[in-house]
PDB file of N, CA and C in Angstrom:
ATOM      1  N   MET A   1      16.214 -49.763 134.664  1.00  0.00           N
ATOM      2  CA  MET A   1      16.948 -48.784 134.890  1.00  0.00           C
ATOM      3  C   MET A   1      18.279 -49.225 135.460  1.00  0.00           C
ATOM      4  N   TRP A   2      19.246 -48.196 135.587  1.00  0.00           N
ATOM      5  CA  TRP A   2      20.598 -48.208 136.096  1.00  0.00           C
ATOM      6  C   TRP A   2      20.523 -48.166 137.589  1.00  0.00           C
ATOM      7  N   ASP A   3      21.463 -49.131 138.617  1.00  0.00           N
ATOM      8  CA  ASP A   3      21.739 -48.827 139.790  1.00  0.00           C
ATOM      9  C   ASP A   3      23.027 -48.926 140.349  1.00  0.00           C
ATOM     10  N   VAL A   4      23.540 -47.853 140.357  1.00  0.00           N
ATOM     11  CA  VAL A   4      25.086 -48.160 140.810  1.00  0.00           C
ATOM     12  C   VAL A   4      25.807 -48.965 139.837  1.00  0.00           C
ATOM     13  N   GLY A   5      25.641 -48.832 138.433  1.00  0.00           N
ATOM     14  CA  GLY A   5      26.737 -49.492 137.514  1.00  0.00           C
ATOM     15  C   GLY A   5      25.974 -50.567 137.471  1.00  0.00           C
ATOM     16  N   ARG A   6      24.807 -51.182 137.779  1.00  0.00           N
ATOM     17  CA  ARG A   6      24.283 -52.552 137.546  1.00  0.00           C
ATOM     18  C   ARG A   6      22.648 -52.307 136.793  1.00  0.00           C
ATOM     19  N   ALA A   7      22.160 -53.073 136.236  1.00  0.00           N
ATOM     20  CA  ALA A   7      20.945 -52.911 135.474  1.00  0.00           C
ATOM     21  C   ALA A   7      19.848 -53.192 136.532  1.00  0.00           C
ATOM     22  N   CYS A   8      18.795 -52.997 136.940  1.00  0.00           N
ATOM     23  CA  CYS A   8      17.773 -53.154 137.726  1.00  0.00           C
ATOM     24  C   CYS A   8      16.306 -53.372 137.264  1.00  0.00           C
ATOM     25  N   ALA A   9      15.859 -54.568 137.383  1.00  0.00           N
ATOM     26  CA  ALA A   9      14.676 -54.782 136.852  1.00  0.00           C
ATOM     27  C   ALA A   9      13.590 -54.281 138.166  1.00  0.00           C
ATOM     28  N   LEU A  10      12.528 -53.798 138.365  1.00  0.00           N
ATOM     29  CA  LEU A  10      11.768 -53.402 139.092  1.00  0.00           C
ATOM     30  C   LEU A  10      10.659 -53.521 138.934  1.00  0.00           C
ATOM     31  N   ALA A  11       9.772 -54.400 140.009  1.00  0.00           N
ATOM     32  CA  ALA A  11       8.101 -54.407 139.948  1.00  0.00           C
ATOM     33  C   ALA A  11       7.825 -53.832 141.216  1.00  0.00           C
ATOM     34  N   GLY A  12       7.017 -52.567 141.312  1.00  0.00           N
ATOM     35  CA  GLY A  12       6.719 -52.011 142.404  1.00  0.00           C
ATOM     36  C   GLY A  12       6.790 -50.277 141.950  1.00  0.00           C
ATOM     37  N   PRO A  13       6.548 -49.568 142.986  1.00  0.00           N
ATOM     38  CA  PRO A  13       6.850 -47.902 142.826  1.00  0.00           C
ATOM     39  C   PRO A  13       8.544 -47.380 143.165  1.00  0.00           C
ATOM     40  N   ASP A  14       8.902 -48.399 143.947  1.00  0.00           N
ATOM     41  CA  ASP A  14      10.661 -48.192 144.325  1.00  0.00           C
ATOM     42  C   ASP A  14      11.226 -49.558 144.854  1.00  0.00           C
ATOM     43  N   LEU A  15      12.354 -49.523 145.461  1.00  0.00           N
ATOM     44  CA  LEU A  15      13.072 -50.468 146.043  1.00  0.00           C
ATOM     45  C   LEU A  15      12.387 -50.891 147.386  1.00  0.00           C
ATOM     46  N   GLN A  16      12.213 -49.943 148.109  1.00  0.00           N
ATOM     47  CA  GLN A  16      11.669 -50.061 149.346  1.00  0.00           C
ATOM     48  C   GLN A  16      10.422 -50.843 149.518  1.00  0.00           C
ATOM     49  N   GLU A  17       9.730 -50.462 148.406  1.00  0.00           N
ATOM     50  CA  GLU A  17       8.099 -50.897 148.193  1.00  0.00           C
ATOM     51  C   GLU A  17       7.865 -52.075 147.430  1.00  0.00           C
ATOM     52  N   GLY A  18       9.078 -52.143 146.803  1.00  0.00           N
ATOM     53  CA  GLY A  18       8.731 -53.346 145.700  1.00  0.00           C
ATOM     54  C   GLY A  18       9.601 -54.276 145.521  1.00  0.00           C
ATOM     55  N   VAL A  19      10.285 -54.774 144.220  1.00  0.00           N
ATOM     56  CA  VAL A  19      11.441 -56.041 144.465  1.00  0.00           C
ATOM     57  C   VAL A  19      11.983 -55.776 143.201  1.00  0.00           C
ATOM     58  N   GLY A  20      13.264 -55.383 143.561  1.00  0.00           N
ATOM     59  CA  GLY A  20      14.109 -55.500 142.524  1.00  0.00           C
ATOM     60  C   GLY A  20      15.135 -56.419 142.250  1.00  0.00           C
ATOM     61  N   GLY A  21      15.128 -56.834 140.758  1.00  0.00           N
ATOM     62  CA  GLY A  21      16.159 -57.665 140.270  1.00  0.00           C
ATOM     63  C   GLY A  21      17.662 -56.881 139.727  1.00  0.00           C
ATOM     64  N   PHE A  22      18.575 -57.527 139.857  1.00  0.00           N
ATOM     65  CA  PHE A  22      20.001 -56.879 139.643  1.00  0.00           C
ATOM     66  C   PHE A  22      20.937 -57.881 138.677  1.00  0.00           C
ATOM     67  N   GLY A  23      21.376 -57.130 137.744  1.00  0.00           N
ATOM     68  CA  GLY A  23      22.645 -57.781 136.710  1.00  0.00           C
ATOM     69  C   GLY A  23      23.440 -57.039 136.215  1.00  0.00           C
ATOM     70  N   ASP A  24      24.410 -57.491 135.691  1.00  0.00           N
ATOM     71  CA  ASP A  24      25.440 -56.893 135.146  1.00  0.00           C
ATOM     72  C   ASP A  24      25.072 -56.018 133.588  1.00  0.00           C
ATOM     73  N   ASP A  25      24.158 -56.950 133.283  1.00  0.00           N
ATOM     74  CA  ASP A  25      23.487 -56.964 132.001  1.00  0.00           C
ATOM     75  C   ASP A  25      21.950 -56.538 131.710  1.00  0.00           C
ATOM     76  N   VAL A  26      21.265 -55.866 131.094  1.00  0.00           N
ATOM     77  CA  VAL A  26      19.757 -55.800 130.844  1.00  0.00           C
ATOM     78  C   VAL A  26      19.408 -57.547 130.796  1.00  0.00           C
ATOM     79  N   PRO A  27      19.442 -58.148 130.168  1.00  0.00           N
ATOM     80  CA  PRO A  27      19.020 -59.517 130.539  1.00  0.00           C
ATOM     81  C   PRO A  27      19.095 -60.457 131.660  1.00  0.00           C
ATOM     82  N   ALA A  28      20.154 -60.105 132.348  1.00  0.00           N
ATOM     83  CA  ALA A  28      20.408 -60.558 133.845  1.00  0.00           C
ATOM     84  C   ALA A  28      19.308 -60.084 134.968  1.00  0.00           C
ATOM     85  N   ALA A  29      18.946 -58.843 134.695  1.00  0.00           N
ATOM     86  CA  ALA A  29      18.234 -58.072 135.446  1.00  0.00           C
ATOM     87  C   ALA A  29      16.752 -58.685 136.056  1.00  0.00           C
ATOM     88  N   PRO A  30      16.089 -58.800 134.735  1.00  0.00           N
ATOM     89  CA  PRO A  30      14.639 -59.405 135.025  1.00  0.00           C
ATOM     90  C   PRO A  30      14.715 -60.940 135.519  1.00  0.00           C
ATOM     91  N   ALA A  31      15.946 -61.444 135.001  1.00  0.00           N
ATOM     92  CA  ALA A  31      16.315 -63.008 135.380  1.00  0.00           C
ATOM     93  C   ALA A  31      16.014 -63.076 136.779  1.00  0.00           C
ATOM     94  N   ASP A  32      17.184 -62.168 137.595  1.00  0.00           N
ATOM     95  CA  ASP A  32      17.147 -62.187 138.674  1.00  0.00           C
ATOM     96  C   ASP A  32      15.666 -61.523 139.535  1.00  0.00           C
ATOM     97  N   LEU A  33      14.979 -60.693 138.865  1.00  0.00           N
ATOM     98  CA  LEU A  33      13.721 -60.184 139.414  1.00  0.00           C
ATOM     99  C   LEU A  33      12.691 -61.382 139.475  1.00  0.00           C
ATOM    100  N   VAL A  34      12.742 -62.312 138.418  1.00  0.00           N
ATOM    101  CA  VAL A  34      11.981 -63.460 138.852  1.00  0.00           C
ATOM    102  C   VAL A  34      12.324 -64.248 139.785  1.00  0.00           C
ATOM    103  N   GLN A  35      13.528 -64.714 139.905  1.00  0.00           N
ATOM    104  CA  GLN A  35      13.974 -65.632 140.910  1.00  0.00           C
ATOM    105  C   GLN A  35      13.701 -65.202 142.446  1.00  0.00           C
ATOM    106  N   ARG A  36      13.665 -64.049 142.517  1.00  0.00           N
ATOM    107  CA  ARG A  36      13.381 -63.043 143.795  1.00  0.00           C
ATOM    108  C   ARG A  36      12.244 -63.306 144.098  1.00  0.00           C
ATOM    109  N   ILE A  37      11.365 -63.002 143.151  1.00  0.00           N
ATOM    110  CA  ILE A  37       9.762 -62.966 143.146  1.00  0.00           C
ATOM    111  C   ILE A  37       9.342 -64.510 143.564  1.00  0.00           C
ATOM    112  N   ARG A  38      10.049 -65.438 143.021  1.00  0.00           N
ATOM    113  CA  ARG A  38       9.328 -66.603 143.234  1.00  0.00           C
ATOM    114  C   ARG A  38      10.196 -67.499 144.798  1.00  0.00           C
ATOM    115  N   SER A  39      11.162 -66.491 145.191  1.00  0.00           N
ATOM    116  CA  SER A  39      11.560 -67.528 146.212  1.00  0.00           C
ATOM    117  C   SER A  39      11.193 -66.440 147.508  1.00  0.00           C
ATOM    118  N   GLU A  40      10.972 -65.314 147.526  1.00  0.00           N
ATOM    119  CA  GLU A  40      10.316 -64.585 148.515  1.00  0.00           C
ATOM    120  C   GLU A  40       8.743 -64.847 148.529  1.00  0.00           C
ATOM    121  N   ASP A  41       8.161 -65.730 147.604  1.00  0.00           N
ATOM    122  CA  ASP A  41       6.399 -65.740 147.496  1.00  0.00           C
ATOM    123  C   ASP A  41       5.857 -64.593 147.478  1.00  0.00           C
ATOM    124  N   THR A  42       6.542 -63.599 146.576  1.00  0.00           N
ATOM    125  CA  THR A  42       5.885 -62.448 146.394  1.00  0.00           C
ATOM    126  C   THR A  42       4.774 -62.711 145.264  1.00  0.00           C
ATOM    127  N   THR A  43       3.871 -61.731 145.393  1.00  0.00           N
ATOM    128  CA  THR A  43       2.778 -61.732 144.443  1.00  0.00           C
ATOM    129  C   THR A  43       2.547 -60.576 143.980  1.00  0.00           C
ATOM    130  N   ILE A  44       2.468 -60.179 142.555  1.00  0.00           N
ATOM    131  CA  ILE A  44       2.417 -59.486 141.524  1.00  0.00           C
ATOM    132  C   ILE A  44       1.203 -59.069 140.889  1.00  0.00           C
ATOM    133  N   CYS A  45       0.363 -58.052 141.171  1.00  0.00           N
ATOM    134  CA  CYS A  45      -0.709 -57.764 140.786  1.00  0.00           C
ATOM    135  C   CYS A  45      -0.624 -56.720 139.612  1.00  0.00           C
ATOM    136  N   VAL A  46      -1.137 -57.253 138.408  1.00  0.00           N
ATOM    137  CA  VAL A  46      -0.916 -56.427 137.224  1.00  0.00           C
ATOM    138  C   VAL A  46      -2.359 -56.539 136.717  1.00  0.00           C
ATOM    139  N   ARG A  47      -3.147 -55.119 137.111  1.00  0.00           N
ATOM    140  CA  ARG A  47      -4.786 -54.883 136.829  1.00  0.00           C
ATOM    141  C   ARG A  47      -4.972 -54.581 135.358  1.00  0.00           C
ATOM    142  N   HIS A  48      -5.831 -55.020 135.101  1.00  0.00           N
ATOM    143  CA  HIS A  48      -6.623 -54.881 133.480  1.00  0.00           C
ATOM    144  C   HIS A  48      -7.089 -53.690 133.500  1.00  0.00           C
ATOM    145  N   PRO A  49      -7.089 -52.838 132.312  1.00  0.00           N
ATOM    146  CA  PRO A  49      -7.843 -51.218 132.724  1.00  0.00           C
ATOM    147  C   PRO A  49      -9.105 -51.915 131.953  1.00  0.00           C
ATOM    148  N   ALA A  50      -9.938 -50.898 132.669  1.00  0.00           N
ATOM    149  CA  ALA A  50     -11.642 -51.134 132.340  1.00  0.00           C
ATOM    150  C   ALA A  50     -11.657 -50.457 130.913  1.00  0.00           C
ATOM    151  N   LYS A  51     -12.839 -51.219 129.985  1.00  0.00           N
ATOM    152  CA  LYS A  51     -13.496 -50.663 129.071  1.00  0.00           C
ATOM    153  C   LYS A  51     -14.591 -49.773 129.220  1.00  0.00           C
ATOM    154  N   GLN A  52     -14.429 -48.596 128.931  1.00  0.00           N
ATOM    155  CA  GLN A  52     -15.737 -47.625 129.024  1.00  0.00           C
ATOM    156  C   GLN A  52     -16.513 -48.023 127.576  1.00  0.00           C
ATOM    157  N   PHE A  53     -17.519 -47.493 127.552  1.00  0.00           N
ATOM    158  CA  PHE A  53     -18.571 -48.044 126.675  1.00  0.00           C
ATOM    159  C   PHE A  53     -20.060 -47.202 126.591  1.00  0.00           C
ATOM    160  N   CYS A  54     -20.448 -46.866 125.537  1.00  0.00           N
ATOM    161  CA  CYS A  54     -21.782 -46.158 125.369  1.00  0.00           C
ATOM    162  C   CYS A  54     -22.941 -47.026 125.219  1.00  0.00           C
ATOM    163  N   GLU A  55     -24.046 -47.029 126.120  1.00  0.00           N
ATOM    164  CA  GLU A  55     -25.007 -47.657 125.696  1.00  0.00           C
ATOM    165  C   GLU A  55     -26.272 -46.980 126.215  1.00  0.00           C
ATOM    166  N   ASP A  56     -27.216 -46.571 124.941  1.00  0.00           N
ATOM    167  CA  ASP A  56     -28.255 -45.903 125.248  1.00  0.00           C
ATOM    168  C   ASP A  56     -27.495 -44.518 125.215  1.00  0.00           C
ATOM    169  N   GLY A  57     -26.540 -44.060 124.606  1.00  0.00           N
ATOM    170  CA  GLY A  57     -26.195 -42.592 124.774  1.00  0.00           C
ATOM    171  C   GLY A  57     -25.146 -42.144 125.815  1.00  0.00           C
ATOM    172  N   VAL A  58     -25.277 -43.418 127.133  1.00  0.00           N
ATOM    173  CA  VAL A  58     -24.937 -43.153 128.112  1.00  0.00           C
ATOM    174  C   VAL A  58     -23.511 -43.861 128.533  1.00  0.00           C
ATOM    175  N   LEU A  59     -22.281 -42.978 128.667  1.00  0.00           N
ATOM    176  CA  LEU A  59     -21.180 -43.918 129.079  1.00  0.00           C
ATOM    177  C   LEU A  59     -21.164 -44.232 130.381  1.00  0.00           C
ATOM    178  N   LYS A  60     -20.614 -45.734 129.966  1.00  0.00           N
ATOM    179  CA  LYS A  60     -20.666 -46.654 131.152  1.00  0.00           C
ATOM    180  C   LYS A  60     -18.912 -47.045 131.207  1.00  0.00           C
ATOM    181  N   CYS A  61     -18.567 -47.930 132.729  1.00  0.00           N
ATOM    182  CA  CYS A  61     -17.294 -48.447 132.521  1.00  0.00           C
ATOM    183  C   CYS A  61     -17.843 -49.541 133.812  1.00  0.00           C
ATOM    184  N   ALA A  62     -16.844 -50.955 133.169  1.00  0.00           N
ATOM    185  CA  ALA A  62     -17.089 -52.115 134.237  1.00  0.00           C
ATOM    186  C   ALA A  62     -15.663 -52.333 134.909  1.00  0.00           C
ATOM    187  N   CYS A  63     -15.951 -52.356 136.029  1.00  0.00           N
ATOM    188  CA  CYS A  63     -14.754 -52.561 136.969  1.00  0.00           C
ATOM    189  C   CYS A  63     -14.190 -54.116 136.610  1.00  0.00           C
ATOM    190  N   PRO A  64     -12.845 -53.928 136.137  1.00  0.00           N
ATOM    191  CA  PRO A  64     -12.350 -55.564 136.283  1.00  0.00           C
ATOM    192  C   PRO A  64     -12.265 -56.506 137.421  1.00  0.00           C
ATOM    193  N   GLU A  65     -12.216 -55.413 138.498  1.00  0.00           N
ATOM    194  CA  GLU A  65     -12.403 -56.341 139.448  1.00  0.00           C
ATOM    195  C   GLU A  65     -13.128 -57.251 140.193  1.00  0.00           C
ATOM    196  N   CYS A  66     -14.571 -56.460 140.276  1.00  0.00           N
ATOM    197  CA  CYS A  66     -15.935 -56.776 140.694  1.00  0.00           C
ATOM    198  C   CYS A  66     -16.741 -57.081 139.600  1.00  0.00           C
ATOM    199  N   GLY A  67     -16.584 -56.470 138.462  1.00  0.00           N
ATOM    200  CA  GLY A  67     -17.624 -56.335 137.325  1.00  0.00           C
ATOM    201  C   GLY A  67     -18.696 -55.503 137.292  1.00  0.00           C
ATOM    202  N   ILE A  68     -18.874 -54.693 138.684  1.00  0.00           N
ATOM    203  CA  ILE A  68     -20.018 -53.507 138.555  1.00  0.00           C
ATOM    204  C   ILE A  68     -19.742 -52.494 137.362  1.00  0.00           C
ATOM    205  N   VAL A  69     -20.984 -51.947 136.791  1.00  0.00           N
ATOM    206  CA  VAL A  69     -21.029 -51.263 135.959  1.00  0.00           C
ATOM    207  C   VAL A  69     -21.196 -49.893 136.422  1.00  0.00           C
ATOM    208  N   SER A  70     -20.557 -49.081 136.391  1.00  0.00           N
ATOM    209  CA  SER A  70     -20.303 -47.759 137.001  1.00  0.00           C
ATOM    210  C   SER A  70     -20.881 -46.687 135.460  1.00  0.00           C
ATOM    211  N   VAL A  71     -22.208 -45.702 136.008  1.00  0.00           N
ATOM    212  CA  VAL A  71     -22.621 -45.081 134.861  1.00  0.00           C
ATOM    213  C   VAL A  71     -21.901 -43.843 135.110  1.00  0.00           C
ATOM    214  N   MET A  72     -21.031 -43.071 133.915  1.00  0.00           N
ATOM    215  CA  MET A  72     -20.652 -41.963 134.000  1.00  0.00           C
ATOM    216  C   MET A  72     -21.246 -40.915 133.030  1.00  0.00           C
ATOM    217  N   SER A  73     -22.753 -40.654 133.363  1.00  0.00           N
ATOM    218  CA  SER A  73     -23.125 -39.982 132.396  1.00  0.00           C
ATOM    219  C   SER A  73     -22.925 -38.304 132.489  1.00  0.00           C
ATOM    220  N   GLU A  74     -22.080 -37.833 133.186  1.00  0.00           N
ATOM    221  CA  GLU A  74     -21.835 -36.244 132.878  1.00  0.00           C
ATOM    222  C   GLU A  74     -20.296 -36.335 131.946  1.00  0.00           C
ATOM    223  N   PHE A  75     -19.730 -37.344 131.676  1.00  0.00           N
ATOM    224  CA  PHE A  75     -18.565 -37.253 131.264  1.00  0.00           C
ATOM    225  C   PHE A  75     -18.597 -37.734 129.593  1.00  0.00           C
ATOM    226  N   ASP A  76     -17.909 -37.035 128.869  1.00  0.00           N
ATOM    227  CA  ASP A  76     -17.313 -37.446 127.485  1.00  0.00           C
ATOM    228  C   ASP A  76     -16.526 -38.732 127.585  1.00  0.00           C
ATOM    229  N   GLU A  77     -15.673 -38.854 128.327  1.00  0.00           N
ATOM    230  CA  GLU A  77     -14.638 -39.634 128.436  1.00  0.00           C
ATOM    231  C   GLU A  77     -13.919 -40.050 129.829  1.00  0.00           C
ATOM    232  N   VAL A  78     -13.745 -41.115 130.216  1.00  0.00           N
ATOM    233  CA  VAL A  78     -12.963 -41.325 131.750  1.00  0.00           C
ATOM    234  C   VAL A  78     -11.832 -41.759 131.361  1.00  0.00           C
ATOM    235  N   ILE A  79     -10.967 -41.629 132.248  1.00  0.00           N
ATOM    236  CA  ILE A  79      -9.447 -42.068 132.440  1.00  0.00           C
ATOM    237  C   ILE A  79      -9.253 -42.767 133.764  1.00  0.00           C
ATOM    238  N   ALA A  80      -9.696 -42.779 134.843  1.00  0.00           N
ATOM    239  CA  ALA A  80      -9.670 -43.631 135.954  1.00  0.00           C
ATOM    240  C   ALA A  80     -10.660 -43.287 136.593  1.00  0.00           C
ATOM    241  N   TYR A  81     -10.985 -43.947 137.640  1.00  0.00           N
ATOM    242  CA  TYR A  81     -12.163 -43.646 139.077  1.00  0.00           C
ATOM    243  C   TYR A  81     -12.118 -44.880 140.007  1.00  0.00           C
ATOM    244  N   VAL A  82     -12.623 -44.390 141.097  1.00  0.00           N
ATOM    245  CA  VAL A  82     -12.836 -45.357 142.275  1.00  0.00           C
ATOM    246  C   VAL A  82     -14.191 -46.247 142.071  1.00  0.00           C
ATOM    247  N   CYS A  83     -13.964 -47.395 142.313  1.00  0.00           N
ATOM    248  CA  CYS A  83     -14.988 -48.183 142.158  1.00  0.00           C
ATOM    249  C   CYS A  83     -16.192 -47.970 143.350  1.00  0.00           C
ATOM    250  N   ASP A  84     -17.265 -47.813 143.263  1.00  0.00           N
ATOM    251  CA  ASP A  84     -17.982 -47.440 144.314  1.00  0.00           C
ATOM    252  C   ASP A  84     -18.285 -48.791 145.243  1.00  0.00           C
ATOM    253  N   GLU A  85     -18.289 -50.208 144.608  1.00  0.00           N
ATOM    254  CA  GLU A  85     -18.346 -51.165 145.035  1.00  0.00           C
ATOM    255  C   GLU A  85     -17.523 -51.823 145.718  1.00  0.00           C
ATOM    256  N   CYS A  86     -16.059 -51.999 144.918  1.00  0.00           N
ATOM    257  CA  CYS A  86     -15.165 -52.774 145.767  1.00  0.00           C
ATOM    258  C   CYS A  86     -13.974 -51.776 146.316  1.00  0.00           C
ATOM    259  N   GLY A  87     -13.846 -50.580 145.770  1.00  0.00           N
ATOM    260  CA  GLY A  87     -13.073 -49.036 146.173  1.00  0.00           C
ATOM    261  C   GLY A  87     -11.750 -49.384 145.539  1.00  0.00           C
ATOM    262  N   ASN A  88     -11.715 -50.186 144.697  1.00  0.00           N
ATOM    263  CA  ASN A  88     -10.117 -50.502 143.747  1.00  0.00           C
ATOM    264  C   ASN A  88     -10.168 -48.857 142.894  1.00  0.00           C
ATOM    265  N   GLY A  89      -8.999 -48.417 142.851  1.00  0.00           N
ATOM    266  CA  GLY A  89      -8.694 -47.349 141.763  1.00  0.00           C
ATOM    267  C   GLY A  89      -8.666 -48.297 140.493  1.00  0.00           C
ATOM    268  N   VAL A  90      -9.355 -47.746 139.550  1.00  0.00           N
ATOM    269  CA  VAL A  90      -9.341 -48.383 138.115  1.00  0.00           C
ATOM    270  C   VAL A  90      -9.102 -47.276 137.308  1.00  0.00           C
ATOM    271  N   ASP A  91      -7.951 -47.889 136.231  1.00  0.00           N
ATOM    272  CA  ASP A  91      -7.411 -47.193 135.254  1.00  0.00           C
ATOM    273  C   ASP A  91      -8.637 -47.552 133.995  1.00  0.00           C
ATOM    274  N   VAL A  92      -8.651 -46.391 133.064  1.00  0.00           N
ATOM    275  CA  VAL A  92      -9.628 -47.048 132.145  1.00  0.00           C
ATOM    276  C   VAL A  92      -9.091 -46.723 130.744  1.00  0.00           C
ATOM    277  N   ALA A  93      -9.195 -47.436 129.749  1.00  0.00           N
ATOM    278  CA  ALA A  93      -8.397 -47.719 128.201  1.00  0.00           C
ATOM    279  C   ALA A  93      -9.125 -46.487 127.752  1.00  0.00           C
ATOM    280  N   SER A  94      -8.277 -45.509 127.033  1.00  0.00           N
ATOM    281  CA  SER A  94      -9.191 -44.457 126.396  1.00  0.00           C
ATOM    282  C   SER A  94      -9.911 -45.090 125.239  1.00  0.00           C
ATOM    283  N   LEU A  95     -10.586 -44.067 124.603  1.00  0.00           N
ATOM    284  CA  LEU A  95     -11.364 -44.501 123.536  1.00  0.00           C
ATOM    285  C   LEU A  95     -10.701 -44.973 122.270  1.00  0.00           C
ATOM    286  N   ARG A  96      -9.439 -44.607 122.141  1.00  0.00           N
ATOM    287  CA  ARG A  96      -8.688 -44.438 121.079  1.00  0.00           C
ATOM    288  C   ARG A  96      -8.462 -45.890 121.230  1.00  0.00           C
ATOM    289  N   GLU A  97      -8.072 -46.268 122.349  1.00  0.00           N
ATOM    290  CA  GLU A  97      -7.326 -47.579 122.543  1.00  0.00           C
ATOM    291  C   GLU A  97      -8.255 -48.641 121.963  1.00  0.00           C
ATOM    292  N   ILE A  98      -9.470 -48.498 122.305  1.00  0.00           N
ATOM    293  CA  ILE A  98     -10.655 -49.601 122.278  1.00  0.00           C
ATOM    294  C   ILE A  98     -11.303 -49.509 120.764  1.00  0.00           C
ATOM    295  N   GLY A  99     -10.980 -48.258 120.194  1.00  0.00           N
ATOM    296  CA  GLY A  99     -11.857 -48.197 118.550  1.00  0.00           C
ATOM    297  C   GLY A  99     -12.591 -47.324 118.726  1.00  0.00           C
ATOM    298  N   GLU A 100     -13.197 -46.846 119.692  1.00  0.00           N
ATOM    299  CA  GLU A 100     -14.699 -46.224 119.768  1.00  0.00           C
ATOM    300  C   GLU A 100     -14.626 -44.804 118.776  1.00  0.00           C
TER     301      GLU A 100
END
């Protein structure tokens, strides 16, 4: 994005909660972001979406964080859920993305 005439690369929802890198052009902003992440010892978590699958006619999803398989028997497709085991919010890859 552009912020006050400078390119901004952002990791996080906004500059208050996340980390931003700035530059006079687009290539400079992500380079500054990487430098800031390394110098501030910031950890960025990029979660993998869960894959939904059918087993014996029942829709299931495996949490990518803890591995627990949740049964989604009342649904045709799942887009997201909260894992009962670890409590993480889980995005789920659509059936089109995984070729089902």
